[in-house]
Amino acid sequence: MRTHEELMEIALSNPAVRAEYERIEREEMPALDAILRARKEAKMTQEDIAKKMGVSAPVVSRLENALVTGKHSPSIATLRKYATAMGKRLEVRFV
């Protein structure tokens, strides 16, 4: 059985996979990091956020995962509800 590191090396040897991996690292991980940092600072679990948003915990999990996968990207309205559930406000910047 191969290790995670070996599998990563094999996968990243494909130029298309490497390009997508680097794009995710550059564009999407900072957004996920910001969301997870905000949730940690608010001392809230996905279930806590879900209750305040009026949804189930798996919905919050999918929202957080969507930022990494790029599938079904959350709307600004959904991100605003997420922020409000933590007592924060959403701010979008173009840098």
C-alpha atoms as a PDB file:
ATOM      1  CA  MET A   1       0.000   0.000   0.000  1.00  0.00           C
ATOM      2  CA  ARG A   2       1.308   3.465  -0.903  1.00  0.00           C
ATOM      3  CA  THR A   3       1.589   6.317   1.540  1.00  0.00           C
ATOM      4  CA  HIS A   4      -0.282   9.589   1.180  1.00  0.00           C
ATOM      5  CA  GLU A   5       2.953  11.302   0.200  1.00  0.00           C
ATOM      6  CA  GLU A   6       3.624   8.742  -2.536  1.00  0.00           C
ATOM      7  CA  LEU A   7       0.100   9.111  -3.916  1.00  0.00           C
ATOM      8  CA  MET A   8       0.428  12.913  -3.890  1.00  0.00           C
ATOM      9  CA  GLU A   9       3.725  12.695  -5.755  1.00  0.00           C
ATOM     10  CA  ILE A  10       2.155  10.467  -8.399  1.00  0.00           C
ATOM     11  CA  ALA A  11      -0.938  12.665  -8.749  1.00  0.00           C
ATOM     12  CA  LEU A  12       1.030  15.908  -8.909  1.00  0.00           C
ATOM     13  CA  SER A  13       3.279  14.532 -11.630  1.00  0.00           C
ATOM     14  CA  ASN A  14       0.283  15.052 -13.958  1.00  0.00           C
ATOM     15  CA  PRO A  15       0.479  18.701 -15.140  1.00  0.00           C
ATOM     16  CA  ALA A  16      -3.317  19.123 -15.214  1.00  0.00           C
ATOM     17  CA  VAL A  17      -3.685  17.797 -11.661  1.00  0.00           C
ATOM     18  CA  ARG A  18      -0.801  19.989 -10.475  1.00  0.00           C
ATOM     19  CA  ALA A  19      -2.339  23.097 -12.073  1.00  0.00           C
ATOM     20  CA  GLU A  20      -5.713  22.467 -10.418  1.00  0.00           C
ATOM     21  CA  TYR A  21      -4.078  21.719  -7.068  1.00  0.00           C
ATOM     22  CA  GLU A  22      -2.121  24.964  -7.234  1.00  0.00           C
ATOM     23  CA  ARG A  23      -5.257  26.908  -8.255  1.00  0.00           C
ATOM     24  CA  ILE A  24      -7.164  25.540  -5.265  1.00  0.00           C
ATOM     25  CA  GLU A  25      -4.276  26.351  -2.939  1.00  0.00           C
ATOM     26  CA  ARG A  26      -4.059  29.898  -4.313  1.00  0.00           C
ATOM     27  CA  GLU A  27      -7.739  30.786  -4.797  1.00  0.00           C
ATOM     28  CA  GLU A  28      -9.961  28.658  -2.601  1.00  0.00           C
ATOM     29  CA  MET A  29      -8.029  27.591   0.472  1.00  0.00           C
ATOM     30  CA  PRO A  30      -7.758  31.150   1.823  1.00  0.00           C
ATOM     31  CA  ALA A  31     -11.576  31.414   1.775  1.00  0.00           C
ATOM     32  CA  LEU A  32     -11.969  28.096   3.577  1.00  0.00           C
ATOM     33  CA  ASP A  33      -9.251  29.076   6.066  1.00  0.00           C
ATOM     34  CA  ALA A  34     -11.096  32.337   6.792  1.00  0.00           C
ATOM     35  CA  ILE A  35     -14.400  30.544   7.342  1.00  0.00           C
ATOM     36  CA  LEU A  36     -12.899  27.879   9.592  1.00  0.00           C
ATOM     37  CA  ARG A  37     -10.907  30.494  11.529  1.00  0.00           C
ATOM     38  CA  ALA A  38     -14.078  32.547  12.072  1.00  0.00           C
ATOM     39  CA  ARG A  39     -15.986  29.467  13.267  1.00  0.00           C
ATOM     40  CA  LYS A  40     -13.146  28.564  15.639  1.00  0.00           C
ATOM     41  CA  GLU A  41     -12.976  32.133  16.981  1.00  0.00           C
ATOM     42  CA  ALA A  42     -16.743  32.003  17.549  1.00  0.00           C
ATOM     43  CA  LYS A  43     -16.212  28.688  19.401  1.00  0.00           C
ATOM     44  CA  MET A  44     -18.958  27.089  17.330  1.00  0.00           C
ATOM     45  CA  THR A  45     -19.352  23.664  15.755  1.00  0.00           C
ATOM     46  CA  GLN A  46     -20.924  22.970  12.381  1.00  0.00           C
ATOM     47  CA  GLU A  47     -24.024  21.880  14.298  1.00  0.00           C
ATOM     48  CA  ASP A  48     -24.115  25.195  16.212  1.00  0.00           C
ATOM     49  CA  ILE A  49     -23.904  27.126  12.946  1.00  0.00           C
ATOM     50  CA  ALA A  50     -26.545  24.907  11.350  1.00  0.00           C
ATOM     51  CA  LYS A  51     -29.035  25.543  14.163  1.00  0.00           C
ATOM     52  CA  LYS A  52     -28.604  29.300  13.862  1.00  0.00           C
ATOM     53  CA  MET A  53     -28.953  29.096  10.075  1.00  0.00           C
ATOM     54  CA  GLY A  54     -32.019  26.872  10.331  1.00  0.00           C
ATOM     55  CA  VAL A  55     -30.408  24.009   8.394  1.00  0.00           C
ATOM     56  CA  SER A  56     -28.888  20.620   9.206  1.00  0.00           C
ATOM     57  CA  ALA A  57     -25.231  20.093  10.121  1.00  0.00           C
ATOM     58  CA  PRO A  58     -24.527  18.252   6.831  1.00  0.00           C
ATOM     59  CA  VAL A  59     -25.593  21.417   4.969  1.00  0.00           C
ATOM     60  CA  VAL A  60     -22.907  23.392   6.797  1.00  0.00           C
ATOM     61  CA  SER A  61     -20.375  20.642   6.126  1.00  0.00           C
ATOM     62  CA  ARG A  62     -21.212  20.744   2.409  1.00  0.00           C
ATOM     63  CA  LEU A  63     -20.939  24.544   2.426  1.00  0.00           C
ATOM     64  CA  GLU A  64     -17.453  24.367   3.916  1.00  0.00           C
ATOM     65  CA  ASN A  65     -16.405  21.540   1.585  1.00  0.00           C
ATOM     66  CA  ALA A  66     -17.764  23.388  -1.461  1.00  0.00           C
ATOM     67  CA  LEU A  67     -15.027  25.971  -1.057  1.00  0.00           C
ATOM     68  CA  VAL A  68     -12.400  23.296  -1.558  1.00  0.00           C
ATOM     69  CA  THR A  69     -14.059  21.240  -4.266  1.00  0.00           C
ATOM     70  CA  GLY A  70     -15.486  24.135  -6.270  1.00  0.00           C
ATOM     71  CA  LYS A  71     -18.718  22.170  -6.614  1.00  0.00           C
ATOM     72  CA  HIS A  72     -21.928  24.027  -5.878  1.00  0.00           C
ATOM     73  CA  SER A  73     -20.209  27.179  -4.709  1.00  0.00           C
ATOM     74  CA  PRO A  74     -22.229  28.844  -1.973  1.00  0.00           C
ATOM     75  CA  SER A  75     -24.079  32.021  -2.820  1.00  0.00           C
ATOM     76  CA  ILE A  76     -23.298  35.341  -1.194  1.00  0.00           C
ATOM     77  CA  ALA A  77     -26.663  35.066   0.599  1.00  0.00           C
ATOM     78  CA  THR A  78     -25.675  31.690   2.073  1.00  0.00           C
ATOM     79  CA  LEU A  79     -22.270  32.970   3.157  1.00  0.00           C
ATOM     80  CA  ARG A  80     -23.985  35.983   4.714  1.00  0.00           C
ATOM     81  CA  LYS A  81     -26.281  33.650   6.723  1.00  0.00           C
ATOM     82  CA  TYR A  82     -23.242  31.655   7.797  1.00  0.00           C
ATOM     83  CA  ALA A  83     -21.474  34.819   8.975  1.00  0.00           C
ATOM     84  CA  THR A  84     -24.593  36.095  10.750  1.00  0.00           C
ATOM     85  CA  ALA A  85     -24.924  32.768  12.590  1.00  0.00           C
ATOM     86  CA  MET A  86     -21.498  33.472  14.134  1.00  0.00           C
ATOM     87  CA  GLY A  87     -22.348  37.068  14.986  1.00  0.00           C
ATOM     88  CA  LYS A  88     -20.148  38.315  12.159  1.00  0.00           C
ATOM     89  CA  ARG A  89     -20.754  40.087   8.884  1.00  0.00           C
ATOM     90  CA  LEU A  90     -19.623  39.026   5.435  1.00  0.00           C
ATOM     91  CA  GLU A  91     -17.133  41.232   3.626  1.00  0.00           C
ATOM     92  CA  VAL A  92     -16.023  40.434   0.081  1.00  0.00           C
ATOM     93  CA  ARG A  93     -12.885  42.056  -1.315  1.00  0.00           C
ATOM     94  CA  PHE A  94     -11.222  42.187  -4.670  1.00  0.00           C
ATOM     95  CA  VAL A  95      -7.491  42.589  -4.199  1.00  0.00           C
END
